[in-house]
Amino acid sequence: MAKQKLIEPEAPRSKSSLLAERLAKSFPGTLTAGELLGSYRYIDFCNPRSGNPTLAMEWLFGARGLWAGRLLNLIAKYSKGKSSFMYWMYACAQRLASGAWCCHNETEGAPAPPDFIASYGADPDDLLMGESRSLEEMMSWLDETEANIRGSWGTGSIDPATGRAKKSKFTDPMDAELTQPIVVGIDSISALGVENGAMMDVSDKTKTAQPGIQSKKLREYLSERNMRFKQRQVLLMLASHQTDKLDMGGGGMKAKGADVNCRAKEALGIYATYEITLDSKKWCDDKPPYTQYGDIVTIRTTKNKMAPRYREIRLYLRTGSGFDFTQTDMDWLTSNPCSPFVNATLKEKYGDLTTYGAKVTCKLLQEKPFATADEFLNALYANKELVTSMRRDLRMRGFGFDFETKYKDQLKKDGIIPEVKPLIPEDGVPEELDDGSDIEA
């Protein structure tokens, strides 16, 4: 007679999970809060040229990448890296996100040449480019672009001549099954005026425009489209020009970057999952003749629903070659207080990382120095077990680490979730279990 073995029954589903299953038929996207984890889709960060990840960017946002279906607001003065960041994200999306749909809308009348876009690792021939003259035109372009990919969202549109609803014309979508995420950049939202002024033959500035009209229209649009973009996996990146913000008093300490302002900031802030500020300075040799290599772009998170805000890194932008992630990662790994090689607690586990000229010494990987930083980073990222350990210690989201789900253990310990015990035979648990016949429930 075959020995019996224990059966681990499935944990009973919560009443909210059963309710969500019913509601999802009428209200797509309905889940329990715990089930949301399995619905996330990331646009992974990477070095587009080498294919390596970038720990610096993962730490900045606290995750493997940006969520598809969310909004990112990039705030900076002109020529500080907003467009560059977008082109890099398109490169990441094209390389790692199943060949995502990448769409860029230029509103400043100065689209970048193809070779400039390619310098960031993005394929210009697989990047849709559009131009908009007004806020309203941009909204229509964004709607039509998304609907051509995903199909009709609902009721179609309104006929401007009759004021009546028309059936949707988007009946032949290119990717209705959401096999690929959509990444859209608007560069910039601050450059868009309203339709009445933008389309006027002769500008008339004798009358003051309605105060806050752009902010009001944008807030209304995002309130109507926020859930649509989420459910149809559209990552929307908006470039916003930084403006001065008056200090109205009130005292108290302000976090660095908290007083940075832009047009319609409140309207954007309501719906943004991420808000970052960018600034830059020259990247030069510190000795004569002070050769300039490009710019050092400082990126700081001022809103982030994935990790603590106010994190900051230096991103190195090499003239004509896009972002240099070798320099960026080495700078973060050797100087950031949270780096596994700098943090006092983590350093005991990972040891020292030192540089001397071009050489890099990391005895955790090998005794002799690496000849170059690229050689070191290739060895580091090839060591999957080591990189996984670092990501776990840094609490990076999206990699399946237990810190994202271990709340269940605490809830069981507190008696909020009942323990599920294995079914056992009536005559008790056998001393030894093998692969014999199962016990039927």
Protein backbone atom coordinates (compact mmCIF):
# COMPACT_ATOMS: atom_id res chain seq x y z
CA MET A 1 0.00 0.00 0.00
CA ALA A 2 1.40 3.35 -0.99
CA LYS A 3 2.21 5.70 1.83
CA GLN A 4 0.02 8.72 2.22
CA LYS A 5 1.30 12.24 1.78
CA LEU A 6 -0.03 15.51 3.04
CA ILE A 7 -2.05 17.81 0.85
CA GLU A 8 -1.55 21.55 1.16
CA PRO A 9 -4.98 23.02 0.51
CA GLU A 10 -5.27 26.38 -1.20
CA ALA A 11 -5.73 29.32 1.08
CA PRO A 12 -9.35 30.43 1.17
CA ARG A 13 -10.03 33.53 -0.87
CA SER A 14 -11.14 36.62 0.99
CA LYS A 15 -14.65 37.93 0.58
CA SER A 16 -13.21 41.05 -1.09
CA SER A 17 -11.40 38.90 -3.66
CA LEU A 18 -14.64 37.11 -4.53
CA LEU A 19 -16.47 40.44 -4.75
CA ALA A 20 -13.73 41.90 -6.97
CA GLU A 21 -14.10 38.99 -9.37
CA ARG A 22 -17.78 39.83 -9.82
CA LEU A 23 -17.31 43.60 -10.08
CA ALA A 24 -14.51 43.28 -12.63
CA LYS A 25 -17.07 42.14 -15.20
CA SER A 26 -18.71 45.57 -15.05
CA PHE A 27 -15.79 47.63 -13.77
CA PRO A 28 -12.52 46.42 -15.36
CA GLY A 29 -9.47 46.81 -13.17
CA THR A 30 -11.27 46.02 -9.91
CA LEU A 31 -8.91 44.08 -7.63
CA THR A 32 -8.11 43.76 -3.97
CA ALA A 33 -5.24 45.90 -2.73
CA GLY A 34 -3.12 42.77 -2.35
CA GLU A 35 -3.80 41.65 -5.91
CA LEU A 36 -2.52 44.95 -7.32
CA LEU A 37 1.05 43.67 -7.02
CA GLY A 38 0.49 41.17 -9.82
CA SER A 39 -0.99 43.84 -12.11
CA TYR A 40 2.05 46.13 -12.21
CA ARG A 41 3.94 46.41 -15.48
CA TYR A 42 7.30 48.13 -15.56
CA ILE A 43 9.28 50.03 -18.15
CA ASP A 44 12.63 48.72 -16.95
CA PHE A 45 15.64 51.00 -16.59
CA CYS A 46 18.75 49.98 -18.49
CA ASN A 47 21.90 51.09 -20.22
CA PRO A 48 20.57 50.89 -23.80
CA ARG A 49 24.00 50.30 -25.31
CA SER A 50 25.25 47.48 -23.08
CA GLY A 51 21.91 46.08 -21.99
CA ASN A 52 23.07 46.19 -18.37
CA PRO A 53 20.72 47.46 -15.68
CA THR A 54 21.56 50.63 -13.76
CA LEU A 55 21.48 50.42 -9.98
CA ALA A 56 21.68 54.21 -9.69
CA MET A 57 18.36 54.74 -11.50
CA GLU A 58 16.71 51.79 -9.75
CA TRP A 59 17.63 53.24 -6.37
CA LEU A 60 16.44 56.75 -7.36
CA PHE A 61 12.92 55.50 -8.06
CA GLY A 62 13.04 52.51 -5.70
CA ALA A 63 12.04 50.04 -8.40
CA ARG A 64 13.14 48.22 -11.52
CA GLY A 65 11.54 50.90 -13.69
CA LEU A 66 8.55 53.20 -14.12
CA TRP A 67 5.02 51.84 -13.99
CA ALA A 68 3.09 51.69 -17.23
CA GLY A 69 -0.23 53.44 -16.71
CA ARG A 70 1.15 56.26 -14.58
CA LEU A 71 2.14 59.92 -14.99
CA LEU A 72 5.62 61.42 -14.61
CA ASN A 73 6.07 65.19 -14.37
CA LEU A 74 9.59 66.47 -15.15
CA ILE A 75 10.23 70.01 -13.90
CA ALA A 76 13.28 72.04 -14.92
CA LYS A 77 14.40 75.22 -16.60
CA TYR A 78 15.26 75.04 -20.30
CA SER A 79 18.16 72.86 -21.44
CA LYS A 80 18.44 70.96 -18.16
CA GLY A 81 17.75 67.41 -19.38
CA LYS A 82 13.97 66.96 -19.63
CA SER A 83 13.93 65.95 -23.30
CA SER A 84 17.06 63.85 -22.84
CA PHE A 85 15.39 61.88 -20.06
CA MET A 86 12.41 61.18 -22.33
CA TYR A 87 14.58 59.97 -25.22
CA TRP A 88 16.39 57.65 -22.81
CA MET A 89 13.10 56.23 -21.53
CA TYR A 90 12.04 55.52 -25.12
CA ALA A 91 15.31 53.61 -25.56
CA CYS A 92 14.60 51.57 -22.42
CA ALA A 93 11.06 50.87 -23.56
CA GLN A 94 12.10 49.82 -27.05
CA ARG A 95 14.79 47.50 -25.75
CA LEU A 96 13.22 45.84 -22.72
CA ALA A 97 9.48 46.50 -22.63
CA SER A 98 8.50 44.11 -25.41
CA GLY A 99 9.12 46.81 -28.02
CA ALA A 100 6.74 49.29 -26.43
CA TRP A 101 4.75 51.83 -28.45
CA CYS A 102 6.76 55.06 -28.09
CA CYS A 103 5.18 58.39 -29.03
CA HIS A 104 6.61 61.90 -28.66
CA ASN A 105 4.71 65.17 -29.07
CA GLU A 106 6.80 68.26 -29.75
CA THR A 107 5.09 71.51 -28.75
CA GLU A 108 7.96 73.99 -28.99
CA GLY A 109 8.42 73.87 -32.77
CA ALA A 110 11.91 72.40 -32.50
CA PRO A 111 11.86 68.61 -32.99
CA ALA A 112 15.18 66.84 -32.39
CA PRO A 113 17.02 65.41 -35.43
CA PRO A 114 17.08 61.60 -35.75
CA ASP A 115 20.79 61.25 -34.97
CA PHE A 116 20.33 63.20 -31.72
CA ILE A 117 17.54 60.85 -30.63
CA ALA A 118 19.63 57.84 -31.65
CA SER A 119 22.49 59.04 -29.43
CA TYR A 120 20.35 58.09 -26.42
CA GLY A 121 19.93 54.54 -27.71
CA ALA A 122 16.42 55.00 -29.12
CA ASP A 123 15.43 53.97 -32.64
CA PRO A 124 14.08 57.11 -34.38
CA ASP A 125 12.30 54.98 -36.98
CA ASP A 126 10.26 53.34 -34.21
CA LEU A 127 9.41 56.57 -32.39
CA LEU A 128 6.19 58.30 -33.42
CA MET A 129 6.60 62.09 -33.61
CA GLY A 130 3.73 64.56 -33.51
CA GLU A 131 3.40 68.32 -33.12
CA SER A 132 0.67 70.33 -31.42
CA ARG A 133 -0.14 74.03 -31.59
CA SER A 134 -2.46 74.23 -28.60
CA LEU A 135 -3.39 72.41 -25.41
CA GLU A 136 -6.64 71.23 -26.96
CA GLU A 137 -4.89 69.92 -30.08
CA MET A 138 -2.39 68.02 -27.93
CA MET A 139 -5.22 66.38 -25.97
CA SER A 140 -6.93 65.31 -29.18
CA TRP A 141 -3.64 63.98 -30.58
CA LEU A 142 -3.00 61.99 -27.42
CA ASP A 143 -6.52 60.54 -27.40
CA GLU A 144 -6.41 59.58 -31.07
CA THR A 145 -2.91 58.08 -30.80
CA GLU A 146 -3.92 55.93 -27.84
CA ALA A 147 -7.25 54.92 -29.40
CA ASN A 148 -5.59 53.81 -32.64
CA ILE A 149 -3.43 51.47 -30.59
CA ARG A 150 -5.98 50.23 -28.03
CA GLY A 151 -9.33 50.79 -29.75
CA SER A 152 -12.50 52.51 -28.62
CA TRP A 153 -12.74 53.38 -24.95
CA GLY A 154 -16.47 53.96 -24.83
CA THR A 155 -18.97 56.22 -26.54
CA GLY A 156 -17.00 57.59 -29.48
CA SER A 157 -17.04 61.38 -29.87
CA ILE A 158 -19.32 64.39 -30.23
CA ASP A 159 -20.15 65.75 -33.69
CA PRO A 160 -19.27 69.48 -33.45
CA ALA A 161 -21.86 70.34 -36.11
CA THR A 162 -24.85 68.67 -34.44
CA GLY A 163 -23.69 68.24 -30.85
CA ARG A 164 -24.73 64.59 -30.98
CA ALA A 165 -22.69 61.54 -30.02
CA LYS A 166 -21.04 59.64 -32.87
CA LYS A 167 -20.05 56.00 -32.91
CA SER A 168 -16.37 55.38 -32.44
CA LYS A 169 -14.21 55.13 -35.55
CA PHE A 170 -11.56 53.16 -33.66
CA THR A 171 -12.79 49.70 -34.56
CA ASP A 172 -9.51 48.28 -35.87
CA PRO A 173 -6.98 48.73 -33.05
CA MET A 174 -3.35 47.75 -33.50
CA ASP A 175 -2.89 46.32 -29.99
CA ALA A 176 -6.19 45.92 -28.18
CA GLU A 177 -4.82 43.04 -26.08
CA LEU A 178 -2.21 45.26 -24.36
CA THR A 179 0.65 43.05 -25.48
CA GLN A 180 2.95 46.10 -25.38
CA PRO A 181 2.84 49.14 -23.08
CA ILE A 182 2.60 52.68 -24.43
CA VAL A 183 5.13 55.39 -23.53
CA VAL A 184 4.16 58.97 -24.44
CA GLY A 185 6.11 62.17 -23.88
CA ILE A 186 4.74 65.72 -24.19
CA ASP A 187 7.62 68.16 -24.64
CA SER A 188 6.57 70.46 -23.14
CA ILE A 189 3.20 70.95 -21.53
CA SER A 190 4.20 74.48 -20.50
CA ALA A 191 4.60 75.66 -24.11
CA LEU A 192 0.95 75.07 -25.01
CA GLY A 193 -1.56 77.89 -25.13
CA VAL A 194 -5.31 77.52 -25.50
CA GLU A 195 -6.95 76.97 -28.88
CA ASN A 196 -8.56 80.41 -29.25
CA GLY A 197 -5.26 82.21 -28.99
CA ALA A 198 -3.10 79.68 -30.82
CA MET A 199 -5.33 79.61 -33.91
CA MET A 200 -5.95 83.36 -34.19
CA ASP A 201 -4.64 85.00 -37.39
CA VAL A 202 -3.62 88.14 -35.54
CA SER A 203 -2.90 87.95 -31.84
CA ASP A 204 -4.95 90.32 -29.65
CA LYS A 205 -3.39 90.85 -26.23
CA THR A 206 -5.44 93.91 -25.30
CA LYS A 207 -7.62 91.69 -23.13
CA THR A 208 -6.33 89.56 -20.28
CA ALA A 209 -6.91 85.83 -20.71
CA GLN A 210 -8.97 83.98 -18.14
CA PRO A 211 -6.62 83.30 -15.19
CA GLY A 212 -5.58 79.65 -14.85
CA ILE A 213 -7.44 78.49 -17.96
CA GLN A 214 -4.65 76.07 -18.99
CA SER A 215 -4.53 74.57 -15.51
CA LYS A 216 -8.29 74.20 -15.41
CA LYS A 217 -8.46 72.46 -18.79
CA LEU A 218 -5.55 70.18 -17.99
CA ARG A 219 -7.02 69.19 -14.64
CA GLU A 220 -10.35 68.40 -16.33
CA TYR A 221 -8.65 66.34 -19.04
CA LEU A 222 -6.56 64.28 -16.61
CA SER A 223 -9.54 63.65 -14.37
CA GLU A 224 -11.32 62.14 -17.39
CA ARG A 225 -8.32 60.22 -18.73
CA ASN A 226 -6.41 59.13 -15.62
CA MET A 227 -8.17 55.77 -15.25
CA ARG A 228 -8.17 55.18 -19.00
CA PHE A 229 -4.39 55.55 -19.17
CA LYS A 230 -3.94 53.30 -16.15
CA GLN A 231 -6.09 50.47 -17.45
CA ARG A 232 -4.60 50.70 -20.95
CA GLN A 233 -0.99 50.85 -19.70
CA VAL A 234 0.04 54.30 -20.93
CA LEU A 235 3.07 55.86 -19.24
CA LEU A 236 2.62 59.60 -19.76
CA MET A 237 5.68 61.84 -19.34
CA LEU A 238 5.09 65.61 -19.21
CA ALA A 239 7.96 68.09 -19.44
CA SER A 240 7.21 71.26 -17.44
CA HIS A 241 9.23 74.46 -17.42
CA GLN A 242 10.27 75.56 -13.95
CA THR A 243 8.95 78.93 -12.83
CA ASP A 244 9.72 81.04 -9.79
CA LYS A 245 7.53 80.48 -6.76
CA LEU A 246 7.08 83.31 -4.29
CA ASP A 247 7.67 82.56 -0.63
CA MET A 248 4.42 83.60 1.07
CA GLY A 249 5.83 83.13 4.56
CA GLY A 250 4.55 80.72 7.18
CA GLY A 251 7.94 79.67 8.54
CA GLY A 252 9.12 76.12 8.95
CA MET A 253 11.80 74.14 7.16
CA LYS A 254 11.42 73.37 3.46
CA ALA A 255 12.87 70.31 1.79
CA LYS A 256 15.27 71.07 -1.02
CA GLY A 257 13.29 71.34 -4.25
CA ALA A 258 9.92 71.56 -2.49
CA ASP A 259 9.45 75.16 -3.65
CA VAL A 260 10.07 74.41 -7.34
CA ASN A 261 7.04 75.47 -9.35
CA CYS A 262 5.67 75.05 -12.87
CA ARG A 263 2.52 75.86 -14.77
CA ALA A 264 -0.45 73.76 -13.61
CA LYS A 265 1.68 72.07 -10.95
CA GLU A 266 -1.28 71.41 -8.66
CA ALA A 267 -3.30 69.92 -11.52
CA LEU A 268 -0.41 67.66 -12.49
CA GLY A 269 0.52 66.81 -8.92
CA ILE A 270 -2.88 65.32 -8.19
CA TYR A 271 -2.46 62.62 -10.83
CA ALA A 272 1.31 62.16 -10.96
CA THR A 273 2.84 59.03 -9.48
CA TYR A 274 6.28 60.57 -10.00
CA GLU A 275 7.53 64.15 -9.97
CA ILE A 276 11.20 64.91 -10.55
CA THR A 277 13.23 68.09 -10.79
CA LEU A 278 16.31 68.39 -12.98
CA ASP A 279 19.24 70.76 -12.97
CA SER A 280 22.60 70.61 -14.74
CA LYS A 281 26.12 71.98 -14.78
CA LYS A 282 29.13 71.52 -17.03
CA TRP A 283 30.98 68.21 -16.86
CA CYS A 284 34.63 69.20 -17.18
CA ASP A 285 38.11 68.13 -16.22
CA ASP A 286 39.18 69.67 -12.94
CA LYS A 287 42.59 70.55 -14.36
CA PRO A 288 43.66 72.73 -17.33
CA PRO A 289 42.67 72.88 -20.13
CA TYR A 290 39.34 72.04 -18.40
CA THR A 291 38.02 69.92 -21.26
CA GLN A 292 34.22 69.71 -21.23
CA TYR A 293 32.72 66.26 -21.78
CA GLY A 294 29.09 67.27 -21.50
CA ASP A 295 26.76 68.00 -18.59
CA ILE A 296 26.08 66.56 -15.17
CA VAL A 297 22.30 66.37 -14.73
CA THR A 298 21.12 66.24 -11.12
CA ILE A 299 17.81 64.44 -10.77
CA ARG A 300 15.77 64.67 -7.57
CA THR A 301 12.44 63.01 -6.80
CA THR A 302 9.90 65.36 -5.20
CA LYS A 303 7.01 62.89 -5.44
CA ASN A 304 7.26 59.12 -5.64
CA LYS A 305 4.62 56.59 -4.66
CA MET A 306 7.15 53.75 -4.89
CA ALA A 307 9.91 54.89 -2.54
CA PRO A 308 10.93 57.77 -0.27
CA ARG A 309 11.04 61.09 -2.10
CA TYR A 310 13.93 63.57 -2.16
CA ARG A 311 16.40 60.99 -3.39
CA GLU A 312 19.01 62.45 -5.72
CA ILE A 313 21.60 61.19 -8.21
CA ARG A 314 23.98 62.68 -10.77
CA LEU A 315 23.34 61.54 -14.34
CA TYR A 316 26.25 62.12 -16.72
CA LEU A 317 25.28 63.36 -20.19
CA ARG A 318 28.12 63.02 -22.70
CA THR A 319 27.93 65.43 -25.66
CA GLY A 320 26.79 63.59 -28.77
CA SER A 321 26.59 60.21 -27.02
CA GLY A 322 23.62 60.38 -24.66
CA PHE A 323 23.78 59.38 -21.01
CA ASP A 324 26.96 57.71 -19.81
CA PHE A 325 25.71 55.06 -17.41
CA THR A 326 29.21 53.81 -16.70
CA GLN A 327 30.08 57.18 -15.18
CA THR A 328 26.63 57.48 -13.58
CA ASP A 329 26.69 54.08 -11.87
CA MET A 330 30.32 54.42 -10.76
CA ASP A 331 29.58 57.83 -9.25
CA TRP A 332 26.60 56.42 -7.33
CA LEU A 333 28.32 53.21 -6.24
CA THR A 334 31.41 55.02 -4.91
CA SER A 335 29.86 58.13 -3.34
CA ASN A 336 26.15 57.79 -2.51
CA PRO A 337 25.51 57.14 1.22
CA CYS A 338 23.02 54.40 0.30
CA SER A 339 25.40 52.52 -2.00
CA PRO A 340 26.16 48.94 -0.88
CA PHE A 341 29.85 49.89 -0.97
CA VAL A 342 29.42 53.10 1.08
CA ASN A 343 26.57 52.51 3.54
CA ALA A 344 28.09 51.61 6.92
CA THR A 345 25.82 48.60 7.44
CA LEU A 346 25.89 47.19 3.92
CA LYS A 347 29.63 47.79 3.50
CA GLU A 348 30.34 45.04 6.03
CA LYS A 349 28.62 42.63 3.66
CA TYR A 350 29.93 43.87 0.30
CA GLY A 351 33.35 45.26 1.16
CA ASP A 352 35.23 48.13 -0.45
CA LEU A 353 35.02 49.57 -3.94
CA THR A 354 37.98 51.77 -4.84
CA THR A 355 39.26 53.45 -7.97
CA TYR A 356 42.76 54.46 -8.99
CA GLY A 357 42.97 56.15 -12.35
CA ALA A 358 41.02 53.94 -14.75
CA LYS A 359 41.37 50.85 -12.55
CA VAL A 360 38.64 49.60 -10.20
CA THR A 361 39.24 47.30 -7.24
CA CYS A 362 36.40 45.18 -5.88
CA LYS A 363 37.69 42.09 -4.09
CA LEU A 364 34.16 40.80 -3.74
CA LEU A 365 34.32 39.99 -7.45
CA GLN A 366 38.03 39.30 -7.96
CA GLU A 367 41.37 39.86 -6.26
CA LYS A 368 43.12 41.79 -9.01
CA PRO A 369 41.89 45.23 -10.11
CA PHE A 370 39.63 45.61 -13.12
CA ALA A 371 41.33 47.47 -15.95
CA THR A 372 38.33 49.76 -16.58
CA ALA A 373 35.02 50.77 -15.03
CA ASP A 374 33.17 49.09 -17.91
CA GLU A 375 34.95 45.82 -17.17
CA PHE A 376 33.97 46.08 -13.50
CA LEU A 377 30.31 46.91 -14.22
CA ASN A 378 30.02 44.08 -16.75
CA ALA A 379 31.33 41.66 -14.12
CA LEU A 380 29.04 43.12 -11.44
CA TYR A 381 25.86 42.90 -13.52
CA ALA A 382 26.81 39.44 -14.82
CA ASN A 383 26.77 38.23 -11.21
CA LYS A 384 23.00 37.86 -10.93
CA GLU A 385 23.12 36.51 -7.39
CA LEU A 386 25.12 39.49 -6.15
CA VAL A 387 22.94 42.06 -7.91
CA THR A 388 19.82 40.35 -6.55
CA SER A 389 21.25 40.57 -3.03
CA MET A 390 21.95 44.28 -3.44
CA ARG A 391 18.50 44.96 -4.80
CA ARG A 392 16.94 43.10 -1.89
CA ASP A 393 18.98 45.05 0.66
CA LEU A 394 18.02 48.32 -1.07
CA ARG A 395 14.33 47.29 -1.14
CA MET A 396 13.92 47.60 -4.90
CA ARG A 397 10.35 46.93 -6.00
CA GLY A 398 9.32 44.78 -8.92
CA PHE A 399 11.76 41.90 -8.44
CA GLY A 400 9.51 39.66 -6.36
CA PHE A 401 11.27 40.15 -3.04
CA ASP A 402 9.45 39.04 0.07
CA PHE A 403 9.25 42.52 1.62
CA GLU A 404 6.43 43.27 -0.84
CA THR A 405 4.37 40.32 0.42
CA LYS A 406 5.61 39.47 3.92
CA TYR A 407 2.83 41.58 5.41
CA LYS A 408 0.79 38.38 5.13
CA ASP A 409 3.02 36.67 7.71
CA GLN A 410 2.42 39.45 10.21
CA LEU A 411 -1.32 39.39 9.58
CA LYS A 412 -1.32 35.62 10.21
CA LYS A 413 0.70 36.14 13.38
CA ASP A 414 -1.83 38.71 14.57
CA GLY A 415 -4.70 36.34 13.79
CA ILE A 416 -6.17 38.59 11.07
CA ILE A 417 -5.54 35.98 8.36
CA PRO A 418 -6.31 32.40 9.49
CA GLU A 419 -3.54 29.83 9.23
CA VAL A 420 -4.18 27.14 6.61
CA LYS A 421 -3.25 23.73 8.00
CA PRO A 422 -2.52 20.71 5.77
CA LEU A 423 -5.09 17.96 5.52
CA ILE A 424 -3.97 14.77 7.31
CA PRO A 425 -5.28 11.20 7.32
CA GLU A 426 -7.63 10.12 10.12
CA ASP A 427 -5.03 7.80 11.70
CA GLY A 428 -2.51 10.61 12.04
CA VAL A 429 0.51 11.84 10.09
CA PRO A 430 2.76 9.06 8.73
CA GLU A 431 6.29 9.02 10.05
CA GLU A 432 7.70 9.14 6.53
CA LEU A 433 6.13 10.65 3.45
CA ASP A 434 6.89 9.75 -0.12
CA ASP A 435 5.38 10.31 -3.54
CA GLY A 436 2.56 7.86 -2.92
CA SER A 437 -1.13 8.41 -3.54
CA ASP A 438 -2.55 11.73 -2.38
CA ILE A 439 -5.18 12.10 0.28
CA GLU A 440 -8.35 13.41 -1.24
CA ALA A 441 -9.86 16.46 0.33
